[in-house]
Amino acid sequence: MSSALAPPAMAADAESQEWYLTLMKADDMWKVSDGSGIKVAVLDSGVNPNTSSLKGQVLADETPKSASFGATDDFDGHGTSMAEMIAGTGNGGGIKGLAPGAKIVPYQVNLGDSPDQKRTPTVVEALKAAADSDARIINMSFSGPYRFKDEQAAVNYAFAKGKLLFASTGNDAESKNSIGYPASYDRVVGVAAADESGTVGKFSEHGGSVDLAAPGLDVLHWCDAKFTKYCTTGGTSASTAIASASAALIWSAHPGWTANQVLRTLIDTAGRDWPKDEPSNYLGYGLIRPRLVLADSKIDPGAAGADPLALENGTAATPASATPSVPASSQPPAKGSSGATSAAGSSASDSGGNSQLWVVLGAVGVVVVGGGAFAALRARRAT
């Protein structure tokens, strides 16, 4: 059961309930970067630009006309919640985003629940429009069971345009576990949800399409489209928004980097105690820790054009005469597969004496539970 936070309590308690801001040492990160100069395309139920936390943060005029229908008309509050978690200012007691200096480019996409099915842009239309915009990051806090060639083609187009794409892995791991799309598309970063201790949520889908994990449990979101109060819940939608915000912080500090370099540093600094070339089914390459990237002025982002998920995306080139440096059994599973790694890669070692894994390496056990899949229709969950 979720709790609700309504004015005037909202003004006093909203930011204090965002446990991940404290755990990730957001105040320290904001001294280096707050996401300024970075635009994030939010493909969702639309984004309400008039909440106290989003006033001045939503660039509605930058949503291409070809995909602008409903962009600022959020019909259920979900897209607005994601936008606030990414770039909210916290004004008026609202949610403060992890990257409050970033800006949001809004989209309403047709996921089967839009009020106007005929005029609402499809995922393909929105992706292509976002790819042609100035937004560097594309946040997709939704998923569905079906793969569509035109959607993969649109993802490829956005990737070729230099965009960094994040998508939620899903929230039905306790029933039938099958990560859907767009998280399972090549070139999309699938994000799982973890709690304050670094434990993956029981609901969080697991498999070969999990690339990273981020905070996603016990988080605030708008209860509905009335925008009168926040509720507390959890899901991979929220963790996806936090991952997008983390990328915005890094890209703002290193505007000359490519999407590959931003992602590579997130992967290299992620919290884990398993080999990086053996990603966990539950946490992927680990728990995101953007502070470690921002704190290291000499961090090596790698080659600008090298895909850090090349093995999962099937773009890694291994000469026939060469001997693979990693045994085939330990290669990361391909995108869309159930994966071969087990719970062995789902806890983090203590190499720093600090239990706050989100900030530095610490000892955190991860509960892994079987099961989970999406409903028959493409579904968006409340955070």
Protein backbone atom coordinates (compact mmCIF):
# COMPACT_ATOMS: atom_id res chain seq x y z
CA MET A 1 0.00 0.00 0.00
CA SER A 2 1.39 3.38 -0.90
CA SER A 3 1.31 6.39 1.36
CA ALA A 4 0.33 9.87 0.23
CA LEU A 5 1.95 13.23 0.81
CA ALA A 6 -0.27 16.25 0.29
CA PRO A 7 0.14 19.98 0.93
CA PRO A 8 1.11 21.47 3.33
CA ALA A 9 3.04 18.36 4.41
CA MET A 10 4.43 18.09 0.89
CA ALA A 11 6.35 21.32 1.24
CA ALA A 12 8.18 20.06 4.30
CA ASP A 13 8.67 16.40 3.49
CA ALA A 14 9.03 15.71 -0.25
CA GLU A 15 12.77 16.15 -0.60
CA SER A 16 13.41 14.54 2.79
CA GLN A 17 11.75 11.38 1.50
CA GLU A 18 14.08 11.17 -1.49
CA TRP A 19 16.50 8.85 0.30
CA TYR A 20 18.67 8.37 -2.78
CA LEU A 21 19.67 12.04 -2.89
CA THR A 22 21.35 11.65 0.48
CA LEU A 23 22.76 8.20 -0.20
CA MET A 24 24.23 9.22 -3.55
CA LYS A 25 25.61 12.45 -1.99
CA ALA A 26 23.73 14.66 -4.40
CA ASP A 27 24.82 17.84 -2.61
CA ASP A 28 28.46 16.97 -3.27
CA MET A 29 27.76 16.14 -6.91
CA TRP A 30 25.89 19.40 -7.46
CA LYS A 31 29.04 21.31 -6.49
CA VAL A 32 30.60 19.80 -9.62
CA SER A 33 27.58 19.37 -11.90
CA ASP A 34 23.81 19.81 -11.72
CA GLY A 35 23.07 18.71 -15.27
CA SER A 36 23.10 22.20 -16.77
CA GLY A 37 23.22 22.27 -20.55
CA ILE A 38 21.77 18.78 -20.94
CA LYS A 39 18.32 18.07 -22.36
CA VAL A 40 16.49 14.83 -21.63
CA ALA A 41 13.67 13.63 -23.86
CA VAL A 42 11.00 11.98 -21.70
CA LEU A 43 8.85 9.59 -23.74
CA ASP A 44 5.89 8.81 -21.52
CA SER A 45 2.35 9.91 -20.71
CA GLY A 46 3.23 13.54 -21.32
CA VAL A 47 4.76 16.04 -18.91
CA ASN A 48 2.87 18.73 -16.98
CA PRO A 49 5.13 21.83 -17.14
CA ASN A 50 3.12 23.68 -14.49
CA THR A 51 3.96 21.76 -11.32
CA SER A 52 5.96 23.84 -8.85
CA SER A 53 9.01 21.64 -9.40
CA LEU A 54 8.93 21.78 -13.21
CA LYS A 55 8.19 25.45 -13.88
CA GLY A 56 10.89 26.63 -16.27
CA GLN A 57 12.26 23.09 -16.67
CA VAL A 58 10.17 21.83 -19.58
CA LEU A 59 11.08 22.87 -23.13
CA ALA A 60 7.74 22.22 -24.79
CA ASP A 61 8.64 24.37 -27.78
CA GLU A 62 11.52 21.99 -28.56
CA THR A 63 9.29 18.98 -29.01
CA PRO A 64 9.20 18.55 -32.81
CA LYS A 65 5.76 19.32 -34.25
CA SER A 66 5.63 15.87 -35.80
CA ALA A 67 5.43 14.34 -32.31
CA SER A 68 4.08 17.18 -30.19
CA PHE A 69 0.48 16.07 -29.67
CA GLY A 70 -0.24 15.71 -25.96
CA ALA A 71 3.35 16.44 -24.96
CA THR A 72 2.35 18.75 -22.11
CA ASP A 73 -0.95 17.03 -21.32
CA ASP A 74 -0.05 14.28 -18.86
CA PHE A 75 -3.11 12.07 -18.53
CA ASP A 76 -2.00 10.01 -15.52
CA GLY A 77 0.91 11.77 -13.81
CA HIS A 78 3.54 9.19 -14.68
CA GLY A 79 5.56 11.20 -17.17
CA THR A 80 5.54 14.25 -14.92
CA SER A 81 6.85 12.14 -12.05
CA MET A 82 9.73 10.87 -14.20
CA ALA A 83 10.53 14.40 -15.36
CA GLU A 84 10.62 15.67 -11.78
CA MET A 85 12.89 12.82 -10.68
CA ILE A 86 15.27 13.79 -13.48
CA ALA A 87 15.20 17.59 -13.44
CA GLY A 88 12.77 18.83 -10.81
CA THR A 89 13.87 21.93 -8.89
CA GLY A 90 12.12 20.98 -5.66
CA ASN A 91 10.39 24.37 -5.57
CA GLY A 92 7.11 24.50 -3.69
CA GLY A 93 7.91 21.29 -1.88
CA GLY A 94 7.96 19.22 -5.05
CA ILE A 95 10.31 16.40 -5.98
CA LYS A 96 13.89 17.53 -6.47
CA GLY A 97 15.54 15.85 -9.42
CA LEU A 98 18.97 14.31 -9.31
CA ALA A 99 19.95 16.66 -12.17
CA PRO A 100 18.04 19.86 -11.34
CA GLY A 101 19.99 21.88 -13.89
CA ALA A 102 18.92 19.70 -16.80
CA LYS A 103 15.91 20.44 -18.99
CA ILE A 104 13.08 18.18 -20.14
CA VAL A 105 11.80 17.80 -23.69
CA PRO A 106 8.34 16.18 -23.32
CA TYR A 107 6.58 13.55 -25.41
CA GLN A 108 3.33 11.67 -25.01
CA VAL A 109 3.61 8.26 -26.63
CA ASN A 110 0.87 5.83 -27.56
CA LEU A 111 1.28 2.79 -25.31
CA GLY A 112 -2.30 1.66 -25.60
CA ASP A 113 -3.62 3.86 -22.81
CA SER A 114 -3.48 7.33 -24.37
CA PRO A 115 -6.86 9.13 -24.46
CA ASP A 116 -6.49 9.87 -28.17
CA GLN A 117 -5.08 6.80 -29.88
CA LYS A 118 -5.18 8.28 -33.37
CA ARG A 119 -3.24 11.47 -32.76
CA THR A 120 -0.81 10.43 -30.02
CA PRO A 121 2.65 9.75 -31.49
CA THR A 122 3.83 6.16 -31.67
CA VAL A 123 7.06 5.11 -29.97
CA VAL A 124 8.72 5.10 -33.39
CA GLU A 125 7.55 8.62 -34.21
CA ALA A 126 8.64 9.95 -30.83
CA LEU A 127 12.02 8.21 -31.01
CA LYS A 128 12.78 9.61 -34.45
CA ALA A 129 11.71 13.08 -33.37
CA ALA A 130 13.86 12.90 -30.23
CA ALA A 131 16.78 11.63 -32.30
CA ASP A 132 16.55 14.72 -34.50
CA SER A 133 16.34 17.09 -31.51
CA ASP A 134 19.01 18.58 -29.24
CA ALA A 135 18.16 16.18 -26.42
CA ARG A 136 21.16 14.00 -25.63
CA ILE A 137 19.37 11.47 -23.43
CA ILE A 138 16.13 9.59 -24.13
CA ASN A 139 14.24 8.27 -21.10
CA MET A 140 11.71 5.49 -21.70
CA SER A 141 10.11 4.40 -18.42
CA PHE A 142 7.82 1.83 -20.03
CA SER A 143 7.92 -1.64 -21.50
CA GLY A 144 5.97 -4.24 -23.41
CA PRO A 145 6.34 -7.86 -24.52
CA TYR A 146 6.61 -7.42 -28.27
CA ARG A 147 9.58 -6.66 -30.48
CA PHE A 148 8.93 -4.47 -33.52
CA LYS A 149 11.44 -4.05 -36.32
CA ASP A 150 10.52 -0.41 -36.84
CA GLU A 151 11.13 0.34 -33.16
CA GLN A 152 14.56 -1.28 -33.26
CA ALA A 153 15.27 0.71 -36.41
CA ALA A 154 14.21 3.91 -34.62
CA VAL A 155 16.48 3.03 -31.69
CA ASN A 156 19.35 2.45 -34.13
CA TYR A 157 18.66 5.82 -35.71
CA ALA A 158 18.74 7.57 -32.33
CA PHE A 159 21.94 5.75 -31.37
CA ALA A 160 23.54 6.78 -34.66
CA LYS A 161 22.59 10.36 -33.84
CA GLY A 162 24.61 10.12 -30.62
CA LYS A 163 21.76 9.66 -28.16
CA LEU A 164 22.00 7.69 -24.91
CA LEU A 165 18.83 5.64 -24.39
CA PHE A 166 17.57 4.25 -21.07
CA ALA A 167 14.53 2.01 -20.52
CA SER A 168 12.94 0.21 -17.58
CA THR A 169 13.30 -3.57 -17.35
CA GLY A 170 9.83 -4.04 -15.84
CA ASN A 171 8.05 -4.83 -12.59
CA ASP A 172 6.60 -8.32 -12.88
CA ALA A 173 9.47 -10.54 -11.79
CA GLU A 174 7.27 -12.29 -9.22
CA SER A 175 4.94 -13.74 -11.84
CA LYS A 176 6.65 -14.44 -15.17
CA ASN A 177 10.12 -13.09 -15.80
CA SER A 178 10.58 -11.78 -19.32
CA ILE A 179 12.17 -8.38 -19.91
CA GLY A 180 10.29 -6.60 -22.65
CA TYR A 181 10.96 -3.73 -25.01
CA PRO A 182 12.49 -1.21 -25.44
CA ALA A 183 14.92 -2.41 -22.72
CA SER A 184 15.66 -5.57 -24.73
CA TYR A 185 16.44 -3.72 -27.93
CA ASP A 186 20.08 -3.46 -28.92
CA ARG A 187 21.62 -0.10 -27.97
CA VAL A 188 19.17 0.56 -25.14
CA VAL A 189 20.40 0.53 -21.53
CA GLY A 190 18.06 -1.62 -19.42
CA VAL A 191 17.75 -0.42 -15.81
CA ALA A 192 16.73 -2.53 -12.80
CA ALA A 193 15.48 -1.15 -9.46
CA ALA A 194 17.27 -1.42 -6.12
CA ASP A 195 16.56 -0.18 -2.61
CA GLU A 196 18.53 1.78 -0.02
CA SER A 197 20.77 -1.19 0.80
CA GLY A 198 21.48 -2.04 -2.83
CA THR A 199 19.03 -4.94 -2.81
CA VAL A 200 17.25 -5.51 -6.09
CA GLY A 201 13.47 -5.20 -5.85
CA LYS A 202 11.53 -8.45 -5.84
CA PHE A 203 9.43 -7.05 -8.68
CA SER A 204 12.40 -5.99 -10.81
CA GLU A 205 12.73 -8.03 -14.00
CA HIS A 206 16.01 -9.84 -14.45
CA GLY A 207 17.90 -11.34 -17.37
CA GLY A 208 20.34 -10.53 -20.12
CA SER A 209 18.84 -7.11 -20.82
CA VAL A 210 19.68 -5.71 -17.38
CA ASP A 211 22.65 -3.39 -17.85
CA LEU A 212 22.63 -1.23 -14.70
CA ALA A 213 20.65 -0.79 -11.48
CA ALA A 214 19.52 2.43 -9.81
CA PRO A 215 17.33 3.51 -6.87
CA GLY A 216 13.73 2.56 -7.50
CA LEU A 217 12.03 1.51 -4.26
CA ASP A 218 10.12 3.69 -1.79
CA VAL A 219 10.19 6.71 -4.08
CA LEU A 220 7.71 9.55 -4.54
CA HIS A 221 5.56 10.08 -7.61
CA TRP A 222 2.34 11.92 -8.41
CA CYS A 223 -0.65 9.82 -7.36
CA ASP A 224 -2.66 10.79 -10.45
CA ALA A 225 -3.25 13.45 -13.07
CA LYS A 226 -4.85 15.80 -10.55
CA PHE A 227 -1.35 16.67 -9.29
CA THR A 228 -2.54 17.33 -5.76
CA LYS A 229 -0.38 14.86 -3.82
CA TYR A 230 2.51 12.45 -4.02
CA CYS A 231 2.34 8.76 -3.27
CA THR A 232 5.18 6.44 -2.27
CA THR A 233 5.77 3.35 -4.37
CA GLY A 234 8.54 1.69 -6.36
CA GLY A 235 9.42 0.41 -9.80
CA THR A 236 11.91 0.29 -12.63
CA SER A 237 10.38 3.41 -14.16
CA ALA A 238 11.89 5.40 -11.31
CA SER A 239 15.27 3.69 -11.54
CA THR A 240 15.35 4.51 -15.25
CA ALA A 241 14.75 8.19 -14.51
CA ILE A 242 17.56 8.16 -11.92
CA ALA A 243 19.90 6.55 -14.47
CA SER A 244 19.02 9.24 -17.03
CA ALA A 245 19.64 11.96 -14.46
CA SER A 246 22.99 10.39 -13.54
CA ALA A 247 24.02 10.47 -17.18
CA ALA A 248 22.94 14.12 -17.39
CA LEU A 249 25.20 15.02 -14.46
CA ILE A 250 28.19 13.37 -16.13
CA TRP A 251 27.53 14.76 -19.59
CA SER A 252 27.12 18.26 -18.19
CA ALA A 253 30.56 18.00 -16.58
CA HIS A 254 32.05 16.52 -19.76
CA PRO A 255 30.09 18.04 -22.65
CA GLY A 256 32.67 16.90 -25.19
CA TRP A 257 32.16 13.22 -24.41
CA THR A 258 30.05 10.91 -26.55
CA ALA A 259 27.13 8.79 -25.33
CA ASN A 260 29.49 5.80 -25.35
CA GLN A 261 31.92 7.55 -23.03
CA VAL A 262 29.23 8.66 -20.59
CA LEU A 263 27.86 5.13 -20.41
CA ARG A 264 31.30 3.56 -20.14
CA THR A 265 32.16 5.63 -17.07
CA LEU A 266 28.83 4.69 -15.47
CA ILE A 267 29.65 1.03 -16.08
CA ASP A 268 33.27 1.31 -14.95
CA THR A 269 32.32 2.96 -11.65
CA ALA A 270 29.23 0.84 -10.92
CA GLY A 271 29.17 -0.97 -7.58
CA ARG A 272 29.76 -4.72 -7.92
CA ASP A 273 31.96 -7.54 -6.58
CA TRP A 274 31.84 -9.71 -9.70
CA PRO A 275 34.03 -9.43 -12.80
CA LYS A 276 32.91 -6.63 -15.10
CA ASP A 277 32.79 -9.04 -18.03
CA GLU A 278 30.29 -11.26 -16.19
CA PRO A 279 27.28 -8.98 -15.59
CA SER A 280 24.63 -10.10 -13.14
CA ASN A 281 21.14 -10.99 -14.32
CA TYR A 282 19.80 -8.84 -11.50
CA LEU A 283 22.05 -5.77 -11.38
CA GLY A 284 23.80 -5.94 -14.73
CA TYR A 285 27.16 -4.20 -14.47
CA GLY A 286 26.22 -2.91 -11.02
CA LEU A 287 24.71 -0.04 -9.06
CA ILE A 288 25.17 3.39 -10.61
CA ARG A 289 27.46 5.80 -8.78
CA PRO A 290 27.87 8.99 -10.84
CA ARG A 291 29.66 10.72 -7.96
CA LEU A 292 32.71 8.56 -8.58
CA VAL A 293 32.84 9.77 -12.17
CA LEU A 294 32.47 13.42 -11.18
CA ALA A 295 35.04 13.10 -8.40
CA ASP A 296 37.76 11.78 -10.72
CA SER A 297 38.98 14.56 -12.99
CA LYS A 298 41.39 12.14 -14.67
CA ILE A 299 38.90 9.34 -15.33
CA ASP A 300 39.41 7.61 -18.67
CA PRO A 301 36.17 7.55 -20.68
CA GLY A 302 37.64 5.28 -23.35
CA ALA A 303 37.38 5.65 -27.10
CA ALA A 304 34.61 7.95 -28.30
CA GLY A 305 33.28 5.48 -30.84
CA ALA A 306 33.61 2.25 -28.86
CA ASP A 307 30.28 0.81 -27.70
CA PRO A 308 30.58 -0.25 -24.00
CA LEU A 309 27.72 -2.72 -24.58
CA ALA A 310 29.20 -4.10 -27.79
CA LEU A 311 28.95 -7.72 -26.65
CA GLU A 312 25.26 -7.40 -25.75
CA ASN A 313 24.55 -5.38 -28.87
CA GLY A 314 26.33 -7.86 -31.12
CA THR A 315 28.72 -5.20 -32.41
CA ALA A 316 31.92 -6.59 -30.92
CA ALA A 317 34.33 -7.68 -33.63
CA THR A 318 36.56 -10.66 -32.83
CA PRO A 319 38.91 -11.75 -35.64
CA ALA A 320 38.50 -15.41 -36.53
CA SER A 321 42.17 -16.06 -35.78
CA ALA A 322 42.07 -14.35 -32.43
CA THR A 323 41.54 -16.09 -29.13
CA PRO A 324 38.72 -14.48 -27.13
CA SER A 325 40.03 -12.85 -23.95
CA VAL A 326 36.91 -13.97 -22.09
CA PRO A 327 35.58 -17.54 -22.11
CA ALA A 328 32.34 -17.88 -24.03
CA SER A 329 30.55 -19.07 -20.90
CA SER A 330 31.31 -15.77 -19.18
CA GLN A 331 30.41 -13.48 -22.06
CA PRO A 332 27.49 -11.16 -21.25
CA PRO A 333 24.22 -12.65 -22.55
CA ALA A 334 22.80 -11.08 -25.66
CA LYS A 335 20.08 -8.46 -25.40
CA GLY A 336 16.67 -10.05 -25.10
CA SER A 337 17.96 -13.34 -23.71
CA SER A 338 17.16 -14.69 -20.27
CA GLY A 339 20.86 -14.68 -19.52
CA ALA A 340 23.20 -17.29 -18.17
CA THR A 341 24.65 -15.56 -15.17
CA SER A 342 23.26 -16.37 -11.76
CA ALA A 343 22.99 -14.82 -8.33
CA ALA A 344 26.75 -15.10 -8.06
CA GLY A 345 27.00 -11.66 -9.55
CA SER A 346 24.50 -9.97 -7.30
CA SER A 347 26.34 -8.72 -4.25
CA ALA A 348 29.11 -6.21 -3.76
CA SER A 349 32.37 -6.72 -1.94
CA ASP A 350 33.75 -4.63 0.89
CA SER A 351 36.90 -3.01 -0.40
CA GLY A 352 36.38 0.36 1.17
CA GLY A 353 34.91 -0.33 4.58
CA ASN A 354 31.78 1.67 3.78
CA SER A 355 28.40 -0.01 3.54
CA GLN A 356 26.95 2.73 1.35
CA LEU A 357 27.45 0.95 -1.94
CA TRP A 358 25.79 3.73 -3.88
CA VAL A 359 28.66 6.01 -2.94
CA VAL A 360 31.74 3.81 -2.48
CA LEU A 361 32.38 0.08 -2.57
CA GLY A 362 30.67 -1.60 0.36
CA ALA A 363 29.28 -4.96 1.43
CA VAL A 364 25.71 -5.34 0.28
CA GLY A 365 23.84 -8.61 -0.13
CA VAL A 366 21.28 -8.74 -2.90
CA VAL A 367 18.10 -10.74 -2.63
CA VAL A 368 17.38 -12.56 -5.86
CA VAL A 369 13.96 -13.99 -6.44
CA GLY A 370 12.60 -15.91 -9.41
CA GLY A 371 9.67 -15.07 -11.59
CA GLY A 372 8.47 -12.00 -13.43
CA ALA A 373 7.05 -10.92 -16.79
CA PHE A 374 4.97 -8.21 -18.40
CA ALA A 375 1.28 -8.16 -19.01
CA ALA A 376 0.08 -8.93 -22.53
CA LEU A 377 -0.22 -5.23 -23.39
CA ARG A 378 2.58 -2.71 -23.28
CA ALA A 379 2.32 -1.41 -19.75
CA ARG A 380 3.55 1.61 -17.86
CA ARG A 381 3.79 1.25 -14.10
CA ALA A 382 3.54 3.86 -11.37
CA THR A 383 7.29 4.64 -11.12
